[in-house]
Amino acid sequence: MRVKVYPADKWGCGHYRMIWPGQALTDQGYDSEVILPGEASGIGGVILSGRIATITDQTDDVDVFVFQRPTNILAYDLIRLLRGRGKAVVVDMDDDLTCIHPSNAAFRMLHPKWSPSNNWRIATEACKLATLVTVSTPQLMERYSKYNNARILRNCVPERFLKIERPDDLEPHWGWAGALQSHPDDLPLLGVTASILQKEGFPFRIIGPPDGTGRALGLDRDPEGPGTVEFDDWMDHVATLAVGAAPLADTAFNRSKSWLKPLEYAAVGVPFVASNTSEYRSLQELGGGFVVPNKSRAWTSVVRRLLVNDAFRTEHSEAARAMAAQFTIEEHAWRWWETWEGAWRLNQGLPAVAS
């Protein structure tokens, strides 16, 4: 079986869901090819009036095509035409794009009203056309299984994250790795705790774009941090946090979020404190972190304990890494292949799993 994989971007989502699993499968001897954004797709076609009218026969040697987050009308056309040729198509959706917060930078970019040729409605229609839809959480499974066959592929981390060394002289600070533009209602949850702990000598750091984060936290200036960093260096900077925060506001969009953020912290040995969502609870129950209600007293108490007690923090740092070691992309890549093979079987009129 030959599979071609088309990630939607070269950033986090593209790597975790498509690029790294696809490359791991190639390294393990599977016939999987990842086509990065901007590279030649290997599929010829004719575009008329902004739509793909036909595609060429360059698809004959491919059994399964995998597309991530196909919000663009051209991606939809491609899926429709490939299905018309009898090809198996898998669509991966790692978020519920219909529930993006209006303050999120992606809201207008993916709303049908403002973006008629690139939006969440097109992605939904693409899911209906696909042979199989893959998601990262049970909540997304419930969302997309009403349109089509769906399968959960849990987010994992590369093995190399487990080998990133933590600084020996960590200062007693805590922080958040993320971008305010895509988490406008999450970071403010930490404001009171950040203010209290800062007065106690425990500064807050931002791993990501700092602009506006101080205002979101109610502080008099933006927290310190490395600023915007290259994607390949991201986790090295995350590893410099003594404690990592994973706040999520109680919104429809966040209720379907995967456990990836605290898993990232855990992979580099950063004990995490996270909002009490079902996904974060599932990870916490395996060790290495804490979940708390979105109340400043709860956040302050747990974060402070980790910061003032070096032995306690070290214990949970080690436990976090041991837990994360159970969820490496290299160890779980076969699940991606098994899922894609299931799509091929469904396309042949067979059960998704061989009996």
Protein backbone atom coordinates (compact mmCIF):
# COMPACT_ATOMS: atom_id res chain seq x y z
CA MET A 1 0.00 0.00 0.00
CA ARG A 2 1.32 3.45 -0.94
CA VAL A 3 0.25 6.57 0.98
CA LYS A 4 0.78 10.27 0.27
CA VAL A 5 0.42 12.69 3.16
CA TYR A 6 -0.40 16.40 2.77
CA PRO A 7 0.06 18.43 5.99
CA ALA A 8 -1.73 21.78 6.19
CA ASP A 9 1.26 23.67 7.59
CA LYS A 10 4.89 23.36 8.68
CA TRP A 11 4.20 24.31 12.28
CA GLY A 12 3.07 22.34 15.31
CA CYS A 13 -0.17 20.87 14.03
CA GLY A 14 1.35 19.87 10.71
CA HIS A 15 4.29 18.16 12.37
CA TYR A 16 2.48 16.34 15.17
CA ARG A 17 -0.41 15.06 13.07
CA MET A 18 1.17 14.49 9.64
CA ILE A 19 4.86 15.20 9.09
CA TRP A 20 6.46 13.39 12.01
CA PRO A 21 4.18 10.29 11.86
CA GLY A 22 4.61 10.08 8.08
CA GLN A 23 8.38 10.41 8.31
CA ALA A 24 8.55 7.87 11.13
CA LEU A 25 6.64 5.38 8.99
CA THR A 26 9.01 5.98 6.07
CA ASP A 27 11.98 5.37 8.38
CA GLN A 28 10.33 2.13 9.55
CA GLY A 29 10.01 0.85 5.99
CA TYR A 30 6.43 1.75 5.15
CA ASP A 31 5.61 3.29 1.77
CA SER A 32 4.63 6.70 3.11
CA GLU A 33 5.54 10.00 1.45
CA VAL A 34 5.04 13.40 3.08
CA ILE A 35 4.46 16.34 0.71
CA LEU A 36 5.26 19.55 2.57
CA PRO A 37 3.29 22.76 1.90
CA GLY A 38 4.86 24.56 -1.03
CA GLU A 39 6.29 21.41 -2.57
CA ALA A 40 4.99 19.94 -5.84
CA SER A 41 1.92 17.89 -4.97
CA GLY A 42 2.58 15.23 -7.58
CA ILE A 43 -0.99 15.62 -8.81
CA GLY A 44 -1.49 17.46 -12.08
CA GLY A 45 -4.73 19.21 -12.87
CA VAL A 46 -6.59 21.95 -14.66
CA ILE A 47 -7.98 24.95 -12.79
CA LEU A 48 -10.86 26.88 -14.31
CA SER A 49 -12.42 29.94 -12.66
CA GLY A 50 -10.67 29.21 -9.38
CA ARG A 51 -11.78 25.58 -9.16
CA ILE A 52 -10.02 22.31 -10.05
CA ALA A 53 -11.86 21.00 -13.10
CA THR A 54 -9.86 17.81 -13.74
CA ILE A 55 -6.82 15.95 -12.43
CA THR A 56 -4.33 13.85 -14.36
CA ASP A 57 -3.50 10.16 -13.98
CA GLN A 58 -0.47 10.82 -11.76
CA THR A 59 -2.43 9.30 -8.90
CA ASP A 60 -2.58 5.72 -10.19
CA ASP A 61 0.24 4.36 -7.99
CA VAL A 62 -1.14 5.87 -4.77
CA ASP A 63 -3.65 3.91 -2.68
CA VAL A 64 -4.46 6.41 0.08
CA PHE A 65 -4.29 10.21 0.14
CA VAL A 66 -4.21 11.93 3.55
CA PHE A 67 -5.17 15.60 3.85
CA GLN A 68 -5.02 17.74 6.96
CA ARG A 69 -7.61 20.41 7.73
CA PRO A 70 -8.79 20.91 4.10
CA THR A 71 -10.40 24.33 4.51
CA ASN A 72 -9.50 25.55 1.02
CA ILE A 73 -11.92 25.08 -1.88
CA LEU A 74 -9.11 23.66 -4.03
CA ALA A 75 -8.41 20.98 -1.43
CA TYR A 76 -12.10 20.14 -1.41
CA ASP A 77 -12.09 19.87 -5.21
CA LEU A 78 -9.08 17.60 -5.10
CA ILE A 79 -10.72 15.29 -2.56
CA ARG A 80 -13.92 15.19 -4.60
CA LEU A 81 -12.07 14.31 -7.79
CA LEU A 82 -9.88 11.70 -6.10
CA ARG A 83 -12.94 10.04 -4.62
CA GLY A 84 -14.49 10.10 -8.06
CA ARG A 85 -11.50 8.13 -9.29
CA GLY A 86 -12.09 5.53 -6.59
CA LYS A 87 -9.23 6.60 -4.34
CA ALA A 88 -9.26 6.28 -0.56
CA VAL A 89 -9.00 9.66 1.16
CA VAL A 90 -8.35 10.35 4.84
CA VAL A 91 -9.05 13.80 6.32
CA ASP A 92 -7.44 14.74 9.64
CA MET A 93 -9.13 17.29 11.92
CA ASP A 94 -7.39 18.25 15.17
CA ASP A 95 -9.80 21.04 16.19
CA ASP A 96 -13.48 21.90 15.95
CA LEU A 97 -13.11 24.85 13.60
CA THR A 98 -16.80 25.77 13.93
CA CYS A 99 -16.19 26.95 17.52
CA ILE A 100 -13.16 29.22 17.17
CA HIS A 101 -13.31 32.13 19.61
CA PRO A 102 -14.09 35.46 17.86
CA SER A 103 -10.93 36.96 19.39
CA ASN A 104 -8.78 34.20 17.92
CA ALA A 105 -6.76 35.35 14.91
CA ALA A 106 -8.09 32.37 12.95
CA PHE A 107 -11.76 33.29 13.43
CA ARG A 108 -12.11 35.65 10.46
CA MET A 109 -9.60 33.66 8.42
CA LEU A 110 -11.80 30.55 8.59
CA HIS A 111 -15.31 32.00 8.80
CA PRO A 112 -17.46 31.56 5.67
CA LYS A 113 -18.72 35.14 5.93
CA TRP A 114 -15.25 36.67 5.54
CA SER A 115 -13.43 33.88 3.76
CA PRO A 116 -15.73 32.22 1.20
CA SER A 117 -13.04 30.06 -0.42
CA ASN A 118 -11.17 29.00 2.74
CA ASN A 119 -13.29 28.19 5.77
CA TRP A 120 -14.54 25.60 8.25
CA ARG A 121 -17.66 24.86 6.22
CA ILE A 122 -15.53 23.64 3.31
CA ALA A 123 -13.59 21.41 5.72
CA THR A 124 -16.85 19.92 6.99
CA GLU A 125 -17.96 19.12 3.45
CA ALA A 126 -14.55 17.56 2.77
CA CYS A 127 -15.03 15.32 5.82
CA LYS A 128 -18.33 14.14 4.38
CA LEU A 129 -16.59 13.17 1.13
CA ALA A 130 -13.65 11.38 2.76
CA THR A 131 -13.35 7.65 3.22
CA LEU A 132 -12.31 8.18 6.83
CA VAL A 133 -11.81 11.11 9.23
CA THR A 134 -9.10 11.04 11.91
CA VAL A 135 -9.26 13.14 15.07
CA SER A 136 -7.28 13.50 18.30
CA THR A 137 -9.97 13.35 21.01
CA PRO A 138 -13.26 11.59 21.84
CA GLN A 139 -15.02 14.96 21.69
CA LEU A 140 -13.87 15.48 18.10
CA MET A 141 -14.82 11.89 17.37
CA GLU A 142 -18.37 12.69 18.44
CA ARG A 143 -18.31 15.85 16.33
CA TYR A 144 -17.11 14.29 13.08
CA SER A 145 -18.44 10.73 13.28
CA LYS A 146 -21.92 12.06 12.49
CA TYR A 147 -20.62 12.89 9.02
CA ASN A 148 -18.46 9.87 8.29
CA ASN A 149 -16.35 7.01 9.60
CA ALA A 150 -13.99 8.43 12.22
CA ARG A 151 -11.00 7.17 14.17
CA ILE A 152 -9.04 8.65 17.10
CA LEU A 153 -5.28 9.07 16.74
CA ARG A 154 -3.94 10.48 20.00
CA ASN A 155 -1.29 13.16 19.78
CA CYS A 156 2.21 11.95 20.58
CA VAL A 157 5.69 13.52 20.77
CA PRO A 158 8.98 12.71 19.03
CA GLU A 159 11.47 10.60 20.98
CA ARG A 160 14.10 13.32 20.67
CA PHE A 161 12.11 15.56 23.04
CA LEU A 162 12.87 13.10 25.83
CA LYS A 163 16.60 13.69 25.32
CA ILE A 164 16.52 17.49 25.58
CA GLU A 165 18.54 18.42 28.64
CA ARG A 166 17.10 20.66 31.32
CA PRO A 167 19.34 23.46 32.66
CA ASP A 168 21.04 22.50 35.94
CA ASP A 169 20.58 25.98 37.40
CA LEU A 170 16.86 26.54 36.80
CA GLU A 171 15.56 29.69 38.41
CA PRO A 172 12.28 29.35 40.37
CA HIS A 173 10.00 30.65 37.65
CA TRP A 174 6.97 29.29 35.85
CA GLY A 175 5.40 30.10 32.53
CA TRP A 176 3.33 29.36 29.49
CA ALA A 177 4.33 28.20 26.02
CA GLY A 178 1.93 29.54 23.43
CA ALA A 179 0.66 32.46 21.40
CA LEU A 180 -1.90 34.90 22.76
CA GLN A 181 -3.31 35.40 19.25
CA SER A 182 -4.58 31.82 19.19
CA HIS A 183 -5.38 31.57 22.93
CA PRO A 184 -6.99 34.93 23.76
CA ASP A 185 -9.26 33.61 26.49
CA ASP A 186 -6.83 31.12 28.10
CA LEU A 187 -3.83 33.14 29.28
CA PRO A 188 -5.95 35.64 31.31
CA LEU A 189 -6.92 32.76 33.62
CA LEU A 190 -3.40 32.97 35.08
CA GLY A 191 -3.44 36.70 35.80
CA VAL A 192 -4.11 36.72 39.55
CA THR A 193 -1.71 33.86 40.18
CA ALA A 194 1.00 35.53 38.08
CA SER A 195 0.64 38.74 40.08
CA ILE A 196 0.72 36.98 43.46
CA LEU A 197 3.70 34.78 42.67
CA GLN A 198 5.63 37.62 41.07
CA LYS A 199 5.42 39.54 44.34
CA GLU A 200 6.73 36.45 46.12
CA GLY A 201 9.78 36.32 43.83
CA PHE A 202 8.54 33.79 41.29
CA PRO A 203 8.41 35.53 37.89
CA PHE A 204 6.24 34.41 35.00
CA ARG A 205 7.81 33.74 31.59
CA ILE A 206 6.37 33.50 28.09
CA ILE A 207 7.72 31.06 25.52
CA GLY A 208 6.25 32.68 22.44
CA PRO A 209 5.36 36.17 21.17
CA PRO A 210 5.27 38.43 24.26
CA ASP A 211 3.31 41.39 22.86
CA GLY A 212 0.09 41.93 24.78
CA THR A 213 0.66 39.08 27.23
CA GLY A 214 1.28 41.43 30.15
CA ARG A 215 -2.02 43.20 29.52
CA ALA A 216 -3.82 39.84 29.24
CA LEU A 217 -2.38 38.84 32.61
CA GLY A 218 -3.11 42.21 34.24
CA LEU A 219 0.59 42.89 34.76
CA ASP A 220 2.29 46.24 34.27
CA ARG A 221 4.54 44.89 31.51
CA ASP A 222 4.95 41.88 29.26
CA PRO A 223 6.67 38.91 30.95
CA GLU A 224 10.23 38.09 29.96
CA GLY A 225 11.02 35.28 27.58
CA PRO A 226 12.94 34.40 24.44
CA GLY A 227 10.35 36.04 22.20
CA THR A 228 9.36 34.45 18.92
CA VAL A 229 11.63 31.45 18.34
CA GLU A 230 12.25 29.15 15.39
CA PHE A 231 10.05 26.06 15.36
CA ASP A 232 13.05 23.71 15.56
CA ASP A 233 14.23 25.46 18.75
CA TRP A 234 10.82 25.67 20.41
CA MET A 235 11.09 22.72 22.78
CA ASP A 236 14.61 23.67 23.89
CA HIS A 237 13.12 26.91 25.21
CA VAL A 238 10.13 25.13 26.76
CA ALA A 239 12.59 22.94 28.68
CA THR A 240 13.91 26.05 30.50
CA LEU A 241 10.66 26.44 32.45
CA ALA A 242 10.67 25.18 36.03
CA VAL A 243 6.90 24.69 35.86
CA GLY A 244 4.63 24.83 32.81
CA ALA A 245 1.04 26.10 32.78
CA ALA A 246 -1.65 24.76 30.45
CA PRO A 247 -4.73 26.93 31.01
CA LEU A 248 -7.90 26.37 28.98
CA ALA A 249 -11.05 28.46 29.35
CA ASP A 250 -14.30 26.51 29.44
CA THR A 251 -15.37 26.99 25.82
CA ALA A 252 -16.81 24.67 23.18
CA PHE A 253 -13.56 24.92 21.22
CA ASN A 254 -11.40 24.03 24.20
CA ARG A 255 -13.58 21.13 25.31
CA SER A 256 -12.35 19.23 22.26
CA LYS A 257 -8.67 20.18 22.68
CA SER A 258 -6.19 17.32 22.95
CA TRP A 259 -3.66 16.69 25.69
CA LEU A 260 -0.76 17.93 23.56
CA LYS A 261 0.28 21.03 25.55
CA PRO A 262 0.88 19.28 28.89
CA LEU A 263 2.39 16.32 27.01
CA GLU A 264 4.93 18.69 25.45
CA TYR A 265 5.86 19.98 28.90
CA ALA A 266 6.14 16.46 30.24
CA ALA A 267 8.35 15.30 27.37
CA VAL A 268 11.06 17.81 28.29
CA GLY A 269 10.71 17.19 32.02
CA VAL A 270 8.61 20.23 32.90
CA PRO A 271 5.99 19.44 35.58
CA PHE A 272 2.69 20.83 34.35
CA VAL A 273 -0.28 22.46 36.02
CA ALA A 274 -3.32 22.37 33.76
CA SER A 275 -7.00 23.24 33.65
CA ASN A 276 -9.35 20.47 34.71
CA THR A 277 -10.49 19.21 31.28
CA SER A 278 -11.19 15.57 30.46
CA GLU A 279 -8.16 15.31 28.18
CA TYR A 280 -5.80 16.89 30.69
CA ARG A 281 -7.20 14.68 33.47
CA SER A 282 -6.50 11.59 31.36
CA LEU A 283 -2.86 12.61 31.10
CA GLN A 284 -2.53 13.65 34.74
CA GLU A 285 -3.81 10.26 35.87
CA LEU A 286 -0.77 8.72 34.18
CA GLY A 287 1.59 10.86 36.31
CA GLY A 288 3.82 13.88 36.10
CA GLY A 289 1.47 16.80 36.50
CA PHE A 290 -1.56 18.37 38.13
CA VAL A 291 -5.02 19.49 37.02
CA VAL A 292 -6.82 22.27 38.86
CA PRO A 293 -10.11 24.15 38.54
CA ASN A 294 -9.91 27.53 36.85
CA LYS A 295 -9.71 29.39 40.15
CA SER A 296 -6.73 31.51 41.09
CA ARG A 297 -6.45 30.03 44.58
CA ALA A 298 -6.06 26.53 43.17
CA TRP A 299 -3.52 27.59 40.54
CA THR A 300 -1.50 29.59 43.06
CA SER A 301 -1.36 26.80 45.62
CA VAL A 302 -0.11 24.07 43.27
CA VAL A 303 2.31 26.24 41.27
CA ARG A 304 3.79 27.69 44.47
CA ARG A 305 4.37 24.24 45.96
CA LEU A 306 6.26 23.12 42.86
CA LEU A 307 8.38 26.27 42.87
CA VAL A 308 9.36 26.33 46.54
CA ASN A 309 10.02 22.59 46.96
CA ASP A 310 12.94 21.53 44.76
CA ALA A 311 12.66 17.84 45.64
CA PHE A 312 8.93 17.83 44.93
CA ARG A 313 9.50 19.55 41.57
CA THR A 314 12.30 17.13 40.62
CA GLU A 315 10.12 14.16 41.51
CA HIS A 316 7.36 15.36 39.20
CA SER A 317 9.81 16.32 36.47
CA GLU A 318 11.09 12.76 36.35
CA ALA A 319 7.58 11.32 36.54
CA ALA A 320 6.46 13.61 33.71
CA ARG A 321 9.19 12.37 31.38
CA ALA A 322 8.50 8.75 32.26
CA MET A 323 4.84 9.27 31.43
CA ALA A 324 5.61 11.06 28.14
CA ALA A 325 7.91 8.20 27.11
CA GLN A 326 4.78 6.07 26.70
CA PHE A 327 3.51 8.33 23.92
CA THR A 328 6.25 8.74 21.33
CA ILE A 329 5.48 9.10 17.66
CA GLU A 330 8.03 6.45 16.80
CA GLU A 331 6.32 3.88 19.03
CA HIS A 332 2.81 4.77 17.91
CA ALA A 333 3.38 5.47 14.20
CA TRP A 334 1.96 2.05 13.37
CA ARG A 335 -1.43 3.32 14.55
CA TRP A 336 -1.37 5.90 11.74
CA TRP A 337 -0.54 3.19 9.22
CA GLU A 338 -3.19 0.85 10.59
CA THR A 339 -5.75 3.66 10.32
CA TRP A 340 -4.76 4.56 6.75
CA GLU A 341 -4.88 0.87 5.85
CA GLY A 342 -8.36 0.78 7.37
CA ALA A 343 -9.40 3.57 5.00
CA TRP A 344 -8.04 1.56 2.08
CA ARG A 345 -10.02 -1.49 3.23
CA LEU A 346 -13.21 0.56 3.62
CA ASN A 347 -12.68 1.86 0.10
CA GLN A 348 -12.58 -1.75 -1.10
CA GLY A 349 -15.85 -2.53 0.63
CA LEU A 350 -14.09 -4.47 3.40
CA PRO A 351 -14.21 -4.05 7.17
CA ALA A 352 -11.75 -1.41 8.39
CA VAL A 353 -9.94 -4.03 10.47
CA ALA A 354 -9.07 -7.44 9.08
CA SER A 355 -10.74 -10.27 10.98
